[in-house]
Amino acid sequence: MGRVLYWIAFIPLCLVVIVFSVSNHATAELSLWPVLTDPVPFPVYGIALVALFAGFVLGGIVAWFQGGSRRRLTRELRRRSEQEQREIAKLRERLNRLEVSDRQATIPPPPAPVVSRAPAATAPSAPSPSATSPQTASPEVSPER
């Protein structure tokens, strides 16, 4: 949008300057007392364009000095923002380290794997006499609640 406005203002301004320069081609005597003591013939459009250019440059200088405090404030805010971003990054890193150490402290380690050895294949043995005797065998009773 800014470029469109620039061209909308720039093209008519150029046309006005060109028309002014063509229509005012007469010469005028220019005398600058401390520098030039003799009058110098100079075109009227040249005097006008030099005055316009000088006003443009002086206006730019004034605007530059007036914007100095705003530029200084912008630099300070940018530095402060960068410093705070670094601090935020440090705090996030610290938070992540604390969360990791907290998780490691609260989560118990996984149980060690149990290694079971299969019993060696042997021939079935005869039941022992005490296991078959009625005195030692206990009746199976289911507990009721």
Protein backbone atom coordinates (compact mmCIF):
# COMPACT_ATOMS: atom_id res chain seq x y z
CA MET A 1 0.00 0.00 0.00
CA GLY A 2 2.88 2.36 0.80
CA ARG A 3 4.46 1.86 -2.62
CA VAL A 4 1.20 2.70 -4.37
CA LEU A 5 0.85 5.95 -2.41
CA TYR A 6 4.49 6.76 -3.14
CA TRP A 7 3.97 6.43 -6.89
CA ILE A 8 0.64 8.31 -6.74
CA ALA A 9 2.45 11.27 -5.15
CA PHE A 10 5.78 10.98 -6.99
CA ILE A 11 4.56 10.91 -10.60
CA PRO A 12 2.45 14.14 -10.42
CA LEU A 13 5.28 15.88 -8.55
CA CYS A 14 7.72 14.98 -11.32
CA LEU A 15 5.25 16.22 -13.93
CA VAL A 16 4.84 19.54 -12.09
CA VAL A 17 8.62 20.00 -11.88
CA ILE A 18 9.05 19.23 -15.61
CA VAL A 19 6.26 21.61 -16.64
CA PHE A 20 7.68 24.34 -14.36
CA SER A 21 11.16 23.87 -15.79
CA VAL A 22 9.98 24.08 -19.42
CA SER A 23 7.77 27.12 -18.88
CA ASN A 24 10.32 29.11 -16.84
CA HIS A 25 13.46 28.88 -18.91
CA ALA A 26 14.19 32.62 -18.75
CA THR A 27 17.37 33.72 -17.01
CA ALA A 28 17.66 35.84 -13.92
CA GLU A 29 20.72 37.43 -12.43
CA LEU A 30 21.78 35.76 -9.22
CA SER A 31 24.01 37.65 -6.82
CA LEU A 32 25.32 36.11 -3.63
CA TRP A 33 27.07 38.98 -1.90
CA PRO A 34 29.65 37.27 0.35
CA VAL A 35 30.54 34.60 -2.22
CA LEU A 36 29.81 36.08 -5.66
CA THR A 37 30.20 39.84 -5.99
CA ASP A 38 29.24 39.93 -9.68
CA PRO A 39 25.72 38.86 -10.70
CA VAL A 40 25.56 35.51 -12.50
CA PRO A 41 22.84 34.69 -15.04
CA PHE A 42 20.90 31.64 -13.85
CA PRO A 43 17.66 30.09 -15.14
CA VAL A 44 14.55 30.77 -13.05
CA TYR A 45 13.67 27.08 -12.80
CA GLY A 46 17.21 26.39 -11.50
CA ILE A 47 16.76 28.88 -8.67
CA ALA A 48 13.41 27.33 -7.77
CA LEU A 49 14.74 23.74 -7.92
CA VAL A 50 17.81 24.60 -5.83
CA ALA A 51 15.55 26.25 -3.24
CA LEU A 52 13.26 23.18 -3.25
CA PHE A 53 16.23 20.85 -2.85
CA ALA A 54 17.71 22.95 -0.03
CA GLY A 55 14.34 22.94 1.76
CA PHE A 56 14.08 19.17 1.32
CA VAL A 57 17.58 18.63 2.78
CA LEU A 58 16.99 21.00 5.71
CA GLY A 59 13.62 19.36 6.44
CA GLY A 60 15.31 15.95 6.44
CA ILE A 61 17.97 17.17 8.87
CA VAL A 62 15.33 18.62 11.22
CA ALA A 63 13.30 15.38 11.05
CA TRP A 64 16.46 13.35 11.75
CA PHE A 65 17.24 15.33 14.90
CA GLN A 66 13.64 15.22 16.10
CA GLY A 67 13.53 11.46 15.62
CA GLY A 68 16.71 10.92 17.63
CA SER A 69 14.94 10.36 20.94
CA ARG A 70 12.55 7.88 19.30
CA ARG A 71 15.46 5.96 17.73
CA ARG A 72 17.27 5.89 21.09
CA LEU A 73 14.14 4.55 22.80
CA THR A 74 13.78 1.91 20.07
CA ARG A 75 17.41 0.79 20.55
CA GLU A 76 16.94 0.57 24.33
CA LEU A 77 13.73 -1.44 23.95
CA ARG A 78 15.39 -3.76 21.43
CA ARG A 79 18.33 -4.38 23.80
CA ARG A 80 15.97 -5.00 26.70
CA SER A 81 13.88 -7.37 24.60
CA GLU A 82 16.96 -9.34 23.50
CA GLN A 83 18.17 -9.54 27.11
CA GLU A 84 14.77 -10.76 28.28
CA GLN A 85 14.64 -13.33 25.47
CA ARG A 86 18.03 -14.68 26.58
CA GLU A 87 16.78 -14.80 30.17
CA ILE A 88 13.61 -16.63 29.09
CA ALA A 89 15.70 -19.17 27.17
CA LYS A 90 17.90 -19.74 30.25
CA LEU A 91 14.88 -20.15 32.50
CA ARG A 92 13.24 -22.60 30.09
CA GLU A 93 16.44 -24.64 29.96
CA ARG A 94 16.64 -24.62 33.74
CA LEU A 95 12.96 -25.64 34.01
CA ASN A 96 13.53 -28.51 31.60
CA ARG A 97 16.52 -29.72 33.63
CA LEU A 98 14.49 -29.53 36.84
CA GLU A 99 11.57 -31.40 35.27
CA VAL A 100 13.89 -34.13 34.03
CA SER A 101 15.58 -34.50 37.42
CA ASP A 102 12.16 -34.46 39.14
CA ARG A 103 10.89 -37.21 36.83
CA GLN A 104 13.99 -39.26 37.50
CA ALA A 105 13.53 -38.82 41.25
CA THR A 106 9.83 -39.75 41.32
CA ILE A 107 9.71 -42.55 38.78
CA PRO A 108 11.09 -45.76 40.24
CA PRO A 109 13.61 -47.60 38.16
CA PRO A 110 12.24 -50.49 36.14
CA PRO A 111 12.45 -53.88 37.84
CA ALA A 112 15.44 -56.00 37.04
CA PRO A 113 14.65 -58.79 34.60
CA VAL A 114 14.16 -62.14 36.32
CA VAL A 115 16.22 -64.88 34.80
CA SER A 116 14.49 -68.19 35.21
CA ARG A 117 16.19 -71.40 34.46
CA ALA A 118 14.17 -74.30 33.24
CA PRO A 119 14.58 -77.40 35.48
CA ALA A 120 16.61 -80.15 34.01
CA ALA A 121 14.54 -82.87 32.43
CA THR A 122 14.41 -85.80 34.84
CA ALA A 123 12.34 -88.90 35.05
CA PRO A 124 9.18 -88.57 37.12
CA SER A 125 9.83 -89.74 40.59
CA ALA A 126 7.57 -91.88 42.63
CA PRO A 127 5.41 -90.04 45.11
CA SER A 128 6.76 -90.01 48.58
CA PRO A 129 4.92 -92.10 51.11
CA SER A 130 4.23 -89.10 53.36
CA ALA A 131 2.38 -87.24 50.62
CA THR A 132 -0.04 -90.08 50.07
CA SER A 133 -0.73 -90.88 53.67
CA PRO A 134 -4.13 -89.73 54.93
CA GLN A 135 -2.73 -88.36 58.18
CA THR A 136 -0.58 -85.73 56.56
CA ALA A 137 -2.88 -84.76 53.75
CA SER A 138 -4.86 -81.70 54.64
CA PRO A 139 -8.39 -81.35 53.40
CA GLU A 140 -8.92 -78.58 50.92
CA VAL A 141 -11.23 -76.03 52.44
CA SER A 142 -12.19 -72.90 50.66
CA PRO A 143 -12.35 -69.88 52.86
CA GLU A 144 -15.72 -68.16 52.95
CA ARG A 145 -16.29 -64.63 53.74
